[in-house]
Amino acid sequence: MTMAQTQTSLTQNVTPIALDGEAVCAGFLGRTPVFALANGEVLFAEIGAERRIKLHENAAILTAQCLDGRLVTGGDDGRVMELRADGATKELGDEKGKWIDALALRDDGATAWTAAKTVRARDAKGEIKTFTAPSGVRGLCFMPKGYRLALAHYNGVSMWFPNTAAEPEGLAWRGSHLDVTISPDGKFAVTAMQENALHGWRIADHKDMRMTGYPSKTRSFSWSSDGKWLATSGAEACIIWPFDTKDGPMGKGPRECGVRPARVTRVAFHPRALVLAAGYDDGWVLLTRLSNGSELLVRQTGETKGGAISALAWNDDGRKLLFGAEDGAAGVLDLPNP
């Protein structure tokens, strides 16, 4: 579907937000929209009651994630900081000036982070376990089953149980792996690679899957609420791979939606419906219904190209979509009937 076929505009339902800094991450702490900014600040973007907290003094936020009432940030000062909805802050870790390359959060309060080859897992009680990876770890995520982490590094993925002495299980594929995601059912691992491609494995038997054809690197993943689709950035459309059978996308092509003359930079599936939000490198934001391919315009930047969308997040019930851009523009969409 082309933009000429776009059926509905939701731009009138968007409240603009001025970030005064590049958005690294967006999320919700309770009902309040929040943004982690590259300048070291976190903005509580409650309309009419905005406030800012400096989490990293004289340092930049490199990576951040928001989950279940807490925002965690990693900076170029080596600190890992946690922020709660009431404004309470806590230092979770300090790598003494080493850059924090990746973060992962778990819904029980556990946190993991990486600095070069060092990987640390901090459980909900505050106990920290450490693993030294074979090379620098750029991607990190908690696996859905058990207290286990997937680590993306050179030549593949390591799957590490922090609470056991066993060596991590490896998924091997030659090359540099920049990020990793695990399917909600725990059956598949997918990485984004240096050479503009994805690589996947069926974890049970390490069967490889090659997903190529991207014009740029994939830096954003999102699984559908039913776990059957993986949306990815890195092309002039959202590339959506099927994972609805035991073979995943093996031998199958992807779906494409939101085709535009601009590169997709962020993707975020609705938490309950088969609706996908996409942000583009010119600042546009679209929603697409997978059932019929219809497109809903959320943000349009006009003839003047806006900053690339660098953060997208739904609230828990899918009634609000938060977006932020590299140029400091942002907004929140109120969607009464998602």
C-alpha atoms as a PDB file:
ATOM      1  CA  MET A   1       0.000   0.000   0.000  1.00  0.00           C
ATOM      2  CA  THR A   2       1.386   3.418  -0.950  1.00  0.00           C
ATOM      3  CA  MET A   3       0.947   6.647   0.938  1.00  0.00           C
ATOM      4  CA  ALA A   4      -1.668   7.672  -1.632  1.00  0.00           C
ATOM      5  CA  GLN A   5      -3.791   4.851  -0.288  1.00  0.00           C
ATOM      6  CA  THR A   6      -3.470   5.914   3.357  1.00  0.00           C
ATOM      7  CA  GLN A   7      -6.995   5.849   4.741  1.00  0.00           C
ATOM      8  CA  THR A   8      -6.783   7.725   8.016  1.00  0.00           C
ATOM      9  CA  SER A   9      -4.719  10.423   9.672  1.00  0.00           C
ATOM     10  CA  LEU A  10      -4.287  10.370  13.442  1.00  0.00           C
ATOM     11  CA  THR A  11      -2.088  13.465  13.557  1.00  0.00           C
ATOM     12  CA  GLN A  12      -4.813  15.426  15.348  1.00  0.00           C
ATOM     13  CA  ASN A  13      -4.575  12.924  18.224  1.00  0.00           C
ATOM     14  CA  VAL A  14      -0.877  13.636  18.818  1.00  0.00           C
ATOM     15  CA  THR A  15       0.335  15.935  21.603  1.00  0.00           C
ATOM     16  CA  PRO A  16       3.808  17.293  20.753  1.00  0.00           C
ATOM     17  CA  ILE A  17       6.615  17.143  23.314  1.00  0.00           C
ATOM     18  CA  ALA A  18       9.863  19.157  23.231  1.00  0.00           C
ATOM     19  CA  LEU A  19      12.725  16.973  24.412  1.00  0.00           C
ATOM     20  CA  ASP A  20      15.621  19.439  24.000  1.00  0.00           C
ATOM     21  CA  GLY A  21      17.858  16.469  23.292  1.00  0.00           C
ATOM     22  CA  GLU A  22      18.134  13.270  21.274  1.00  0.00           C
ATOM     23  CA  ALA A  23      15.768  10.489  22.353  1.00  0.00           C
ATOM     24  CA  VAL A  24      17.578   7.251  23.241  1.00  0.00           C
ATOM     25  CA  CYS A  25      14.577   5.406  24.699  1.00  0.00           C
ATOM     26  CA  ALA A  26      10.882   6.006  25.326  1.00  0.00           C
ATOM     27  CA  GLY A  27       8.573   4.261  27.758  1.00  0.00           C
ATOM     28  CA  PHE A  28       5.979   4.613  30.478  1.00  0.00           C
ATOM     29  CA  LEU A  29       6.551   4.663  34.230  1.00  0.00           C
ATOM     30  CA  GLY A  30       3.050   3.998  35.449  1.00  0.00           C
ATOM     31  CA  ARG A  31       0.898   6.308  33.349  1.00  0.00           C
ATOM     32  CA  THR A  32       3.666   8.865  32.804  1.00  0.00           C
ATOM     33  CA  PRO A  33       5.558   8.950  29.498  1.00  0.00           C
ATOM     34  CA  VAL A  34       9.326   9.178  29.950  1.00  0.00           C
ATOM     35  CA  PHE A  35      12.298   9.669  27.650  1.00  0.00           C
ATOM     36  CA  ALA A  36      15.944   8.858  28.239  1.00  0.00           C
ATOM     37  CA  LEU A  37      17.994  11.511  26.431  1.00  0.00           C
ATOM     38  CA  ALA A  38      21.506  11.317  25.033  1.00  0.00           C
ATOM     39  CA  ASN A  39      22.543  14.294  27.193  1.00  0.00           C
ATOM     40  CA  GLY A  40      22.253  12.209  30.379  1.00  0.00           C
ATOM     41  CA  GLU A  41      18.775  13.380  31.378  1.00  0.00           C
ATOM     42  CA  VAL A  42      15.436  11.628  31.763  1.00  0.00           C
ATOM     43  CA  LEU A  43      12.331  13.654  30.953  1.00  0.00           C
ATOM     44  CA  PHE A  44       9.058  12.882  32.730  1.00  0.00           C
ATOM     45  CA  ALA A  45       6.812  14.134  29.930  1.00  0.00           C
ATOM     46  CA  GLU A  46       3.529  14.540  31.790  1.00  0.00           C
ATOM     47  CA  ILE A  47       1.697  17.333  29.991  1.00  0.00           C
ATOM     48  CA  GLY A  48       1.722  20.465  32.137  1.00  0.00           C
ATOM     49  CA  ALA A  49       3.953  18.913  34.770  1.00  0.00           C
ATOM     50  CA  GLU A  50       7.157  18.065  32.941  1.00  0.00           C
ATOM     51  CA  ARG A  51      10.285  17.495  35.009  1.00  0.00           C
ATOM     52  CA  ARG A  52      13.838  16.416  34.321  1.00  0.00           C
ATOM     53  CA  ILE A  53      16.241  14.245  36.283  1.00  0.00           C
ATOM     54  CA  LYS A  54      19.959  14.181  35.522  1.00  0.00           C
ATOM     55  CA  LEU A  55      20.950  10.514  35.827  1.00  0.00           C
ATOM     56  CA  HIS A  56      24.435  10.807  34.328  1.00  0.00           C
ATOM     57  CA  GLU A  57      26.350  13.966  35.264  1.00  0.00           C
ATOM     58  CA  ASN A  58      28.670  15.196  32.511  1.00  0.00           C
ATOM     59  CA  ALA A  59      28.048  11.960  30.616  1.00  0.00           C
ATOM     60  CA  ALA A  60      25.888  10.634  27.806  1.00  0.00           C
ATOM     61  CA  ILE A  61      23.246   7.931  27.948  1.00  0.00           C
ATOM     62  CA  LEU A  62      24.262   5.320  25.391  1.00  0.00           C
ATOM     63  CA  THR A  63      21.525   2.754  25.938  1.00  0.00           C
ATOM     64  CA  ALA A  64      18.306   2.515  27.966  1.00  0.00           C
ATOM     65  CA  GLN A  65      15.300   0.261  28.488  1.00  0.00           C
ATOM     66  CA  CYS A  66      11.973   0.675  30.233  1.00  0.00           C
ATOM     67  CA  LEU A  67       9.986  -2.219  31.712  1.00  0.00           C
ATOM     68  CA  ASP A  68       7.448  -2.745  34.509  1.00  0.00           C
ATOM     69  CA  GLY A  69       7.761   0.568  36.313  1.00  0.00           C
ATOM     70  CA  ARG A  70      11.492   1.157  35.978  1.00  0.00           C
ATOM     71  CA  LEU A  71      13.795   2.823  33.479  1.00  0.00           C
ATOM     72  CA  VAL A  72      17.412   1.647  33.372  1.00  0.00           C
ATOM     73  CA  THR A  73      20.160   3.577  31.596  1.00  0.00           C
ATOM     74  CA  GLY A  74      23.784   2.874  30.695  1.00  0.00           C
ATOM     75  CA  GLY A  75      26.214   5.707  30.113  1.00  0.00           C
ATOM     76  CA  ASP A  76      29.638   6.484  28.721  1.00  0.00           C
ATOM     77  CA  ASP A  77      30.632   7.050  32.354  1.00  0.00           C
ATOM     78  CA  GLY A  78      30.301   3.301  32.964  1.00  0.00           C
ATOM     79  CA  ARG A  79      27.354   3.663  35.323  1.00  0.00           C
ATOM     80  CA  VAL A  80      24.106   1.697  35.154  1.00  0.00           C
ATOM     81  CA  MET A  81      21.269   3.670  36.729  1.00  0.00           C
ATOM     82  CA  GLU A  82      17.686   2.775  37.627  1.00  0.00           C
ATOM     83  CA  LEU A  83      14.824   5.279  37.827  1.00  0.00           C
ATOM     84  CA  ARG A  84      11.390   4.565  39.306  1.00  0.00           C
ATOM     85  CA  ALA A  85       8.070   6.308  38.734  1.00  0.00           C
ATOM     86  CA  ASP A  86       8.356   8.236  42.007  1.00  0.00           C
ATOM     87  CA  GLY A  87      11.701   9.698  40.924  1.00  0.00           C
ATOM     88  CA  ALA A  88      13.785   7.393  43.119  1.00  0.00           C
ATOM     89  CA  THR A  89      17.161   6.530  41.594  1.00  0.00           C
ATOM     90  CA  LYS A  90      19.632   3.740  42.273  1.00  0.00           C
ATOM     91  CA  GLU A  91      23.041   2.852  40.912  1.00  0.00           C
ATOM     92  CA  LEU A  92      22.968  -0.780  39.816  1.00  0.00           C
ATOM     93  CA  GLY A  93      26.522  -1.005  38.561  1.00  0.00           C
ATOM     94  CA  ASP A  94      29.681   0.952  37.793  1.00  0.00           C
ATOM     95  CA  GLU A  95      32.167  -0.191  35.159  1.00  0.00           C
ATOM     96  CA  LYS A  96      34.580   2.646  36.021  1.00  0.00           C
ATOM     97  CA  GLY A  97      34.379   4.640  32.817  1.00  0.00           C
ATOM     98  CA  LYS A  98      33.970   1.753  30.376  1.00  0.00           C
ATOM     99  CA  TRP A  99      31.081   2.369  28.004  1.00  0.00           C
ATOM    100  CA  ILE A 100      27.884   0.430  28.627  1.00  0.00           C
ATOM    101  CA  ASP A 101      27.204  -1.255  25.285  1.00  0.00           C
ATOM    102  CA  ALA A 102      23.928  -3.097  25.944  1.00  0.00           C
ATOM    103  CA  LEU A 103      21.215  -3.542  28.574  1.00  0.00           C
ATOM    104  CA  ALA A 104      18.518  -6.129  29.245  1.00  0.00           C
ATOM    105  CA  LEU A 105      15.654  -6.052  31.757  1.00  0.00           C
ATOM    106  CA  ARG A 106      13.544  -8.868  33.159  1.00  0.00           C
ATOM    107  CA  ASP A 107      10.043  -8.480  34.575  1.00  0.00           C
ATOM    108  CA  ASP A 108      11.080  -9.808  38.009  1.00  0.00           C
ATOM    109  CA  GLY A 109      13.486  -6.873  38.493  1.00  0.00           C
ATOM    110  CA  ALA A 110      16.688  -8.489  37.186  1.00  0.00           C
ATOM    111  CA  THR A 111      19.024  -6.408  35.031  1.00  0.00           C
ATOM    112  CA  ALA A 112      21.982  -7.272  32.813  1.00  0.00           C
ATOM    113  CA  TRP A 113      24.541  -5.118  31.059  1.00  0.00           C
ATOM    114  CA  THR A 114      27.721  -5.345  29.020  1.00  0.00           C
ATOM    115  CA  ALA A 115      30.952  -3.356  28.825  1.00  0.00           C
ATOM    116  CA  ALA A 116      33.263  -4.719  26.129  1.00  0.00           C
ATOM    117  CA  LYS A 117      33.691  -8.443  26.915  1.00  0.00           C
ATOM    118  CA  THR A 118      32.316  -8.170  30.447  1.00  0.00           C
ATOM    119  CA  VAL A 119      28.708  -9.252  31.018  1.00  0.00           C
ATOM    120  CA  ARG A 120      27.033  -8.783  34.397  1.00  0.00           C
ATOM    121  CA  ALA A 121      23.668 -10.133  35.535  1.00  0.00           C
ATOM    122  CA  ARG A 122      22.100  -8.577  38.625  1.00  0.00           C
ATOM    123  CA  ASP A 123      19.146 -10.523  39.979  1.00  0.00           C
ATOM    124  CA  ALA A 124      16.117  -9.036  41.740  1.00  0.00           C
ATOM    125  CA  LYS A 125      17.866  -9.420  45.123  1.00  0.00           C
ATOM    126  CA  GLY A 126      20.905  -7.481  43.958  1.00  0.00           C
ATOM    127  CA  GLU A 127      23.347 -10.384  43.572  1.00  0.00           C
ATOM    128  CA  ILE A 128      25.661  -9.897  40.595  1.00  0.00           C
ATOM    129  CA  LYS A 129      27.221 -12.655  38.498  1.00  0.00           C
ATOM    130  CA  THR A 130      29.897 -11.999  35.848  1.00  0.00           C
ATOM    131  CA  PHE A 131      30.823 -13.691  32.588  1.00  0.00           C
ATOM    132  CA  THR A 132      33.677 -12.846  30.228  1.00  0.00           C
ATOM    133  CA  ALA A 133      32.588 -13.337  26.629  1.00  0.00           C
ATOM    134  CA  PRO A 134      34.954 -14.422  23.827  1.00  0.00           C
ATOM    135  CA  SER A 135      34.696 -10.933  22.270  1.00  0.00           C
ATOM    136  CA  GLY A 136      32.887  -7.657  22.818  1.00  0.00           C
ATOM    137  CA  VAL A 137      29.143  -8.099  23.441  1.00  0.00           C
ATOM    138  CA  ARG A 138      26.984  -5.674  21.455  1.00  0.00           C
ATOM    139  CA  GLY A 139      23.573  -7.310  21.905  1.00  0.00           C
ATOM    140  CA  LEU A 140      21.927  -8.737  24.997  1.00  0.00           C
ATOM    141  CA  CYS A 141      18.509 -10.054  26.008  1.00  0.00           C
ATOM    142  CA  PHE A 142      16.907 -12.230  28.669  1.00  0.00           C
ATOM    143  CA  MET A 143      15.518 -15.476  27.348  1.00  0.00           C
ATOM    144  CA  PRO A 144      11.843 -16.207  28.104  1.00  0.00           C
ATOM    145  CA  LYS A 145      12.449 -19.514  29.920  1.00  0.00           C
ATOM    146  CA  GLY A 146      14.615 -19.630  33.033  1.00  0.00           C
ATOM    147  CA  TYR A 147      17.131 -17.093  34.307  1.00  0.00           C
ATOM    148  CA  ARG A 148      19.207 -17.098  31.140  1.00  0.00           C
ATOM    149  CA  LEU A 149      20.766 -14.516  28.830  1.00  0.00           C
ATOM    150  CA  ALA A 150      21.544 -14.474  25.116  1.00  0.00           C
ATOM    151  CA  LEU A 151      24.726 -12.564  24.213  1.00  0.00           C
ATOM    152  CA  ALA A 152      25.546 -11.422  20.668  1.00  0.00           C
ATOM    153  CA  HIS A 153      29.256 -11.157  19.811  1.00  0.00           C
ATOM    154  CA  TYR A 154      31.726 -12.015  17.081  1.00  0.00           C
ATOM    155  CA  ASN A 155      31.011 -15.399  15.452  1.00  0.00           C
ATOM    156  CA  GLY A 156      27.626 -15.983  17.093  1.00  0.00           C
ATOM    157  CA  VAL A 157      25.599 -16.054  20.292  1.00  0.00           C
ATOM    158  CA  SER A 158      26.294 -17.414  23.770  1.00  0.00           C
ATOM    159  CA  MET A 159      23.376 -18.502  25.990  1.00  0.00           C
ATOM    160  CA  TRP A 160      24.428 -18.100  29.623  1.00  0.00           C
ATOM    161  CA  PHE A 161      22.796 -19.282  32.855  1.00  0.00           C
ATOM    162  CA  PRO A 162      24.238 -16.858  35.481  1.00  0.00           C
ATOM    163  CA  ASN A 163      23.354 -19.157  38.395  1.00  0.00           C
ATOM    164  CA  THR A 164      25.182 -22.237  37.119  1.00  0.00           C
ATOM    165  CA  ALA A 165      28.847 -23.057  36.576  1.00  0.00           C
ATOM    166  CA  ALA A 166      28.150 -24.668  33.205  1.00  0.00           C
ATOM    167  CA  GLU A 167      29.750 -23.205  30.107  1.00  0.00           C
ATOM    168  CA  PRO A 168      27.297 -21.212  27.968  1.00  0.00           C
ATOM    169  CA  GLU A 169      25.737 -22.968  25.005  1.00  0.00           C
ATOM    170  CA  GLY A 170      26.853 -21.464  21.706  1.00  0.00           C
ATOM    171  CA  LEU A 171      25.089 -20.699  18.441  1.00  0.00           C
ATOM    172  CA  ALA A 172      27.787 -20.303  15.817  1.00  0.00           C
ATOM    173  CA  TRP A 173      27.842 -18.275  12.623  1.00  0.00           C
ATOM    174  CA  ARG A 174      30.888 -16.484  11.284  1.00  0.00           C
ATOM    175  CA  GLY A 175      30.785 -12.702  11.406  1.00  0.00           C
ATOM    176  CA  SER A 176      29.982  -9.815  13.718  1.00  0.00           C
ATOM    177  CA  HIS A 177      26.595  -9.986  15.480  1.00  0.00           C
ATOM    178  CA  LEU A 178      25.361  -6.610  16.720  1.00  0.00           C
ATOM    179  CA  ASP A 179      22.074  -7.414  18.461  1.00  0.00           C
ATOM    180  CA  VAL A 180      19.988 -10.422  19.461  1.00  0.00           C
ATOM    181  CA  THR A 181      16.364 -11.265  20.147  1.00  0.00           C
ATOM    182  CA  ILE A 182      14.659 -14.498  21.232  1.00  0.00           C
ATOM    183  CA  SER A 183      11.159 -15.532  20.136  1.00  0.00           C
ATOM    184  CA  PRO A 184       8.538 -15.392  22.926  1.00  0.00           C
ATOM    185  CA  ASP A 185       8.216 -19.200  22.898  1.00  0.00           C
ATOM    186  CA  GLY A 186      11.998 -19.550  23.317  1.00  0.00           C
ATOM    187  CA  LYS A 187      12.423 -21.619  20.149  1.00  0.00           C
ATOM    188  CA  PHE A 188      14.325 -19.203  17.914  1.00  0.00           C
ATOM    189  CA  ALA A 189      17.257 -16.794  18.228  1.00  0.00           C
ATOM    190  CA  VAL A 190      17.765 -14.000  15.687  1.00  0.00           C
ATOM    191  CA  THR A 191      20.700 -11.608  15.404  1.00  0.00           C
ATOM    192  CA  ALA A 192      21.371  -8.443  13.432  1.00  0.00           C
ATOM    193  CA  MET A 193      24.725  -8.593  11.688  1.00  0.00           C
ATOM    194  CA  GLN A 194      27.355  -6.131  10.514  1.00  0.00           C
ATOM    195  CA  GLU A 195      26.750  -6.953   6.841  1.00  0.00           C
ATOM    196  CA  ASN A 196      23.116  -5.756   6.616  1.00  0.00           C
ATOM    197  CA  ALA A 197      21.534  -9.145   7.236  1.00  0.00           C
ATOM    198  CA  LEU A 198      19.866 -11.167   9.961  1.00  0.00           C
ATOM    199  CA  HIS A 199      20.897 -14.613  11.068  1.00  0.00           C
ATOM    200  CA  GLY A 200      18.671 -17.014  12.938  1.00  0.00           C
ATOM    201  CA  TRP A 201      18.832 -20.381  14.650  1.00  0.00           C
ATOM    202  CA  ARG A 202      16.265 -22.891  15.757  1.00  0.00           C
ATOM    203  CA  ILE A 203      17.648 -23.322  19.256  1.00  0.00           C
ATOM    204  CA  ALA A 204      16.694 -26.985  19.719  1.00  0.00           C
ATOM    205  CA  ASP A 205      18.916 -28.259  16.893  1.00  0.00           C
ATOM    206  CA  HIS A 206      20.951 -25.123  15.973  1.00  0.00           C
ATOM    207  CA  LYS A 207      19.470 -25.155  12.459  1.00  0.00           C
ATOM    208  CA  ASP A 208      20.563 -21.962  10.667  1.00  0.00           C
ATOM    209  CA  MET A 209      18.350 -19.381   8.983  1.00  0.00           C
ATOM    210  CA  ARG A 210      19.722 -16.657   6.729  1.00  0.00           C
ATOM    211  CA  MET A 211      17.640 -13.478   6.248  1.00  0.00           C
ATOM    212  CA  THR A 212      19.240 -11.117   3.734  1.00  0.00           C
ATOM    213  CA  GLY A 213      18.444  -8.238   1.367  1.00  0.00           C
ATOM    214  CA  TYR A 214      18.527  -5.313   3.799  1.00  0.00           C
ATOM    215  CA  PRO A 215      20.041  -2.057   2.460  1.00  0.00           C
ATOM    216  CA  SER A 216      21.211  -1.075   5.961  1.00  0.00           C
ATOM    217  CA  LYS A 217      21.717  -2.603   9.393  1.00  0.00           C
ATOM    218  CA  THR A 218      18.745  -3.739  11.455  1.00  0.00           C
ATOM    219  CA  ARG A 219      18.801  -1.912  14.777  1.00  0.00           C
ATOM    220  CA  SER A 220      15.215  -2.431  15.937  1.00  0.00           C
ATOM    221  CA  PHE A 221      13.261  -5.661  16.513  1.00  0.00           C
ATOM    222  CA  SER A 222       9.700  -6.196  17.721  1.00  0.00           C
ATOM    223  CA  TRP A 223       7.679  -9.406  18.210  1.00  0.00           C
ATOM    224  CA  SER A 224       3.928  -9.450  17.688  1.00  0.00           C
ATOM    225  CA  SER A 225       1.779 -10.108  20.747  1.00  0.00           C
ATOM    226  CA  ASP A 226       1.019 -13.659  19.523  1.00  0.00           C
ATOM    227  CA  GLY A 227       4.724 -14.366  18.879  1.00  0.00           C
ATOM    228  CA  LYS A 228       4.098 -15.286  15.237  1.00  0.00           C
ATOM    229  CA  TRP A 229       5.763 -12.293  13.560  1.00  0.00           C
ATOM    230  CA  LEU A 230       9.093 -10.484  13.957  1.00  0.00           C
ATOM    231  CA  ALA A 231       9.177  -6.918  12.631  1.00  0.00           C
ATOM    232  CA  THR A 232      12.524  -5.355  11.756  1.00  0.00           C
ATOM    233  CA  SER A 233      13.985  -2.021  10.675  1.00  0.00           C
ATOM    234  CA  GLY A 234      16.678  -1.381   8.085  1.00  0.00           C
ATOM    235  CA  ALA A 235      14.764  -0.974   4.787  1.00  0.00           C
ATOM    236  CA  GLU A 236      12.301   1.382   3.092  1.00  0.00           C
ATOM    237  CA  ALA A 237       9.522  -0.725   4.594  1.00  0.00           C
ATOM    238  CA  CYS A 238       8.927  -2.750   7.723  1.00  0.00           C
ATOM    239  CA  ILE A 239      10.257  -6.240   7.018  1.00  0.00           C
ATOM    240  CA  ILE A 240       8.169  -8.804   8.938  1.00  0.00           C
ATOM    241  CA  TRP A 241       9.286 -12.423   9.181  1.00  0.00           C
ATOM    242  CA  PRO A 242       6.886 -15.312   9.894  1.00  0.00           C
ATOM    243  CA  PHE A 243       7.501 -17.530  12.935  1.00  0.00           C
ATOM    244  CA  ASP A 244       4.152 -19.302  12.969  1.00  0.00           C
ATOM    245  CA  THR A 245       5.501 -22.822  12.296  1.00  0.00           C
ATOM    246  CA  LYS A 246       8.211 -25.052  13.748  1.00  0.00           C
ATOM    247  CA  ASP A 247      10.551 -24.012  10.919  1.00  0.00           C
ATOM    248  CA  GLY A 248      10.073 -20.277  11.414  1.00  0.00           C
ATOM    249  CA  PRO A 249      10.935 -18.334   8.252  1.00  0.00           C
ATOM    250  CA  MET A 250      12.973 -21.159   6.683  1.00  0.00           C
ATOM    251  CA  GLY A 251      12.064 -21.277   3.001  1.00  0.00           C
ATOM    252  CA  LYS A 252       9.639 -18.357   3.340  1.00  0.00           C
ATOM    253  CA  GLY A 253       9.771 -14.734   2.323  1.00  0.00           C
ATOM    254  CA  PRO A 254       8.907 -11.830   4.612  1.00  0.00           C
ATOM    255  CA  ARG A 255       5.947  -9.487   4.474  1.00  0.00           C
ATOM    256  CA  GLU A 256       6.507  -5.794   3.820  1.00  0.00           C
ATOM    257  CA  CYS A 257       4.386  -2.917   5.050  1.00  0.00           C
ATOM    258  CA  GLY A 258       4.704   0.826   5.434  1.00  0.00           C
ATOM    259  CA  VAL A 259       6.609   1.182   2.163  1.00  0.00           C
ATOM    260  CA  ARG A 260       7.943   4.748   1.805  1.00  0.00           C
ATOM    261  CA  PRO A 261      10.910   6.564   0.236  1.00  0.00           C
ATOM    262  CA  ALA A 262      12.600   6.664   3.662  1.00  0.00           C
ATOM    263  CA  ARG A 263      14.388   4.129   5.830  1.00  0.00           C
ATOM    264  CA  VAL A 264      12.574   2.511   8.784  1.00  0.00           C
ATOM    265  CA  THR A 265      14.573   3.160  11.970  1.00  0.00           C
ATOM    266  CA  ARG A 266      12.282   1.885  14.762  1.00  0.00           C
ATOM    267  CA  VAL A 267       9.462  -0.683  14.962  1.00  0.00           C
ATOM    268  CA  ALA A 268       7.048  -1.502  17.782  1.00  0.00           C
ATOM    269  CA  PHE A 269       4.159  -3.974  17.690  1.00  0.00           C
ATOM    270  CA  HIS A 270       0.987  -3.086  19.571  1.00  0.00           C
ATOM    271  CA  PRO A 271       0.857  -5.084  22.848  1.00  0.00           C
ATOM    272  CA  ARG A 272      -2.531  -6.671  22.061  1.00  0.00           C
ATOM    273  CA  ALA A 273      -3.415  -6.252  18.381  1.00  0.00           C
ATOM    274  CA  LEU A 274      -1.685  -7.002  15.078  1.00  0.00           C
ATOM    275  CA  VAL A 275      -0.890  -3.326  14.558  1.00  0.00           C
ATOM    276  CA  LEU A 276       2.672  -2.216  13.917  1.00  0.00           C
ATOM    277  CA  ALA A 277       4.139   1.223  14.599  1.00  0.00           C
ATOM    278  CA  ALA A 278       7.054   2.297  12.414  1.00  0.00           C
ATOM    279  CA  GLY A 279       9.331   5.330  12.660  1.00  0.00           C
ATOM    280  CA  TYR A 280      11.400   6.537   9.704  1.00  0.00           C
ATOM    281  CA  ASP A 281      14.662   8.370   9.181  1.00  0.00           C
ATOM    282  CA  ASP A 282      12.788  11.480   7.984  1.00  0.00           C
ATOM    283  CA  GLY A 283      10.717  11.712  11.183  1.00  0.00           C
ATOM    284  CA  TRP A 284       7.499  10.139   9.920  1.00  0.00           C
ATOM    285  CA  VAL A 285       5.522   7.677  12.042  1.00  0.00           C
ATOM    286  CA  LEU A 286       2.938   5.241  10.635  1.00  0.00           C
ATOM    287  CA  LEU A 287       0.698   2.511  11.993  1.00  0.00           C
ATOM    288  CA  THR A 288      -0.134  -0.503   9.839  1.00  0.00           C
ATOM    289  CA  ARG A 289      -2.816  -3.136  10.440  1.00  0.00           C
ATOM    290  CA  LEU A 290      -1.415  -6.500   9.391  1.00  0.00           C
ATOM    291  CA  SER A 291      -4.901  -7.911   8.773  1.00  0.00           C
ATOM    292  CA  ASN A 292      -5.565  -5.693   5.754  1.00  0.00           C
ATOM    293  CA  GLY A 293      -2.427  -3.569   5.231  1.00  0.00           C
ATOM    294  CA  SER A 294      -4.233  -0.294   5.935  1.00  0.00           C
ATOM    295  CA  GLU A 295      -1.986   2.575   7.036  1.00  0.00           C
ATOM    296  CA  LEU A 296      -2.683   5.211   9.660  1.00  0.00           C
ATOM    297  CA  LEU A 297      -0.581   8.367   9.605  1.00  0.00           C
ATOM    298  CA  VAL A 298       0.677   9.460  13.037  1.00  0.00           C
ATOM    299  CA  ARG A 299       3.344  12.037  12.205  1.00  0.00           C
ATOM    300  CA  GLN A 300       4.275  13.769   8.970  1.00  0.00           C
ATOM    301  CA  THR A 301       7.232  16.148   8.741  1.00  0.00           C
ATOM    302  CA  GLY A 302       6.353  17.832   5.456  1.00  0.00           C
ATOM    303  CA  GLU A 303       8.892  19.073   2.945  1.00  0.00           C
ATOM    304  CA  THR A 304      11.532  19.685   5.621  1.00  0.00           C
ATOM    305  CA  LYS A 305      13.017  16.365   6.642  1.00  0.00           C
ATOM    306  CA  GLY A 306      12.801  15.760  10.379  1.00  0.00           C
ATOM    307  CA  GLY A 307      15.235  13.903  12.583  1.00  0.00           C
ATOM    308  CA  ALA A 308      15.191  10.131  12.476  1.00  0.00           C
ATOM    309  CA  ILE A 309      12.803   8.432  14.876  1.00  0.00           C
ATOM    310  CA  SER A 310      15.015   6.896  17.568  1.00  0.00           C
ATOM    311  CA  ALA A 311      12.446   5.759  20.150  1.00  0.00           C
ATOM    312  CA  LEU A 312       8.984   4.152  19.988  1.00  0.00           C
ATOM    313  CA  ALA A 313       6.923   2.646  22.799  1.00  0.00           C
ATOM    314  CA  TRP A 314       3.321   1.623  23.518  1.00  0.00           C
ATOM    315  CA  ASN A 315       1.788   1.741  26.977  1.00  0.00           C
ATOM    316  CA  ASP A 316       0.534  -1.527  28.469  1.00  0.00           C
ATOM    317  CA  ASP A 317      -3.027  -1.353  27.138  1.00  0.00           C
ATOM    318  CA  GLY A 318      -2.037  -0.009  23.728  1.00  0.00           C
ATOM    319  CA  ARG A 319      -4.005   3.226  24.075  1.00  0.00           C
ATOM    320  CA  LYS A 320      -0.928   5.469  23.812  1.00  0.00           C
ATOM    321  CA  LEU A 321       2.086   5.479  21.500  1.00  0.00           C
ATOM    322  CA  LEU A 322       5.167   7.473  22.426  1.00  0.00           C
ATOM    323  CA  PHE A 323       7.747   8.528  19.849  1.00  0.00           C
ATOM    324  CA  GLY A 324      10.944  10.533  19.952  1.00  0.00           C
ATOM    325  CA  ALA A 325      13.484  11.647  17.375  1.00  0.00           C
ATOM    326  CA  GLU A 326      17.177  12.425  17.134  1.00  0.00           C
ATOM    327  CA  ASP A 327      16.452  16.152  16.686  1.00  0.00           C
ATOM    328  CA  GLY A 328      14.537  16.416  19.975  1.00  0.00           C
ATOM    329  CA  ALA A 329      11.033  16.323  18.516  1.00  0.00           C
ATOM    330  CA  ALA A 330       8.590  13.934  20.184  1.00  0.00           C
ATOM    331  CA  GLY A 331       4.937  13.269  20.810  1.00  0.00           C
ATOM    332  CA  VAL A 332       2.342  11.012  22.344  1.00  0.00           C
ATOM    333  CA  LEU A 333      -0.540   9.566  20.354  1.00  0.00           C
ATOM    334  CA  ASP A 334      -3.836   8.913  22.138  1.00  0.00           C
ATOM    335  CA  LEU A 335      -5.545   6.016  20.390  1.00  0.00           C
ATOM    336  CA  PRO A 336      -9.018   5.361  21.892  1.00  0.00           C
ATOM    337  CA  ASN A 337      -9.800   2.393  19.654  1.00  0.00           C
ATOM    338  CA  PRO A 338      -6.566   0.573  18.702  1.00  0.00           C
END
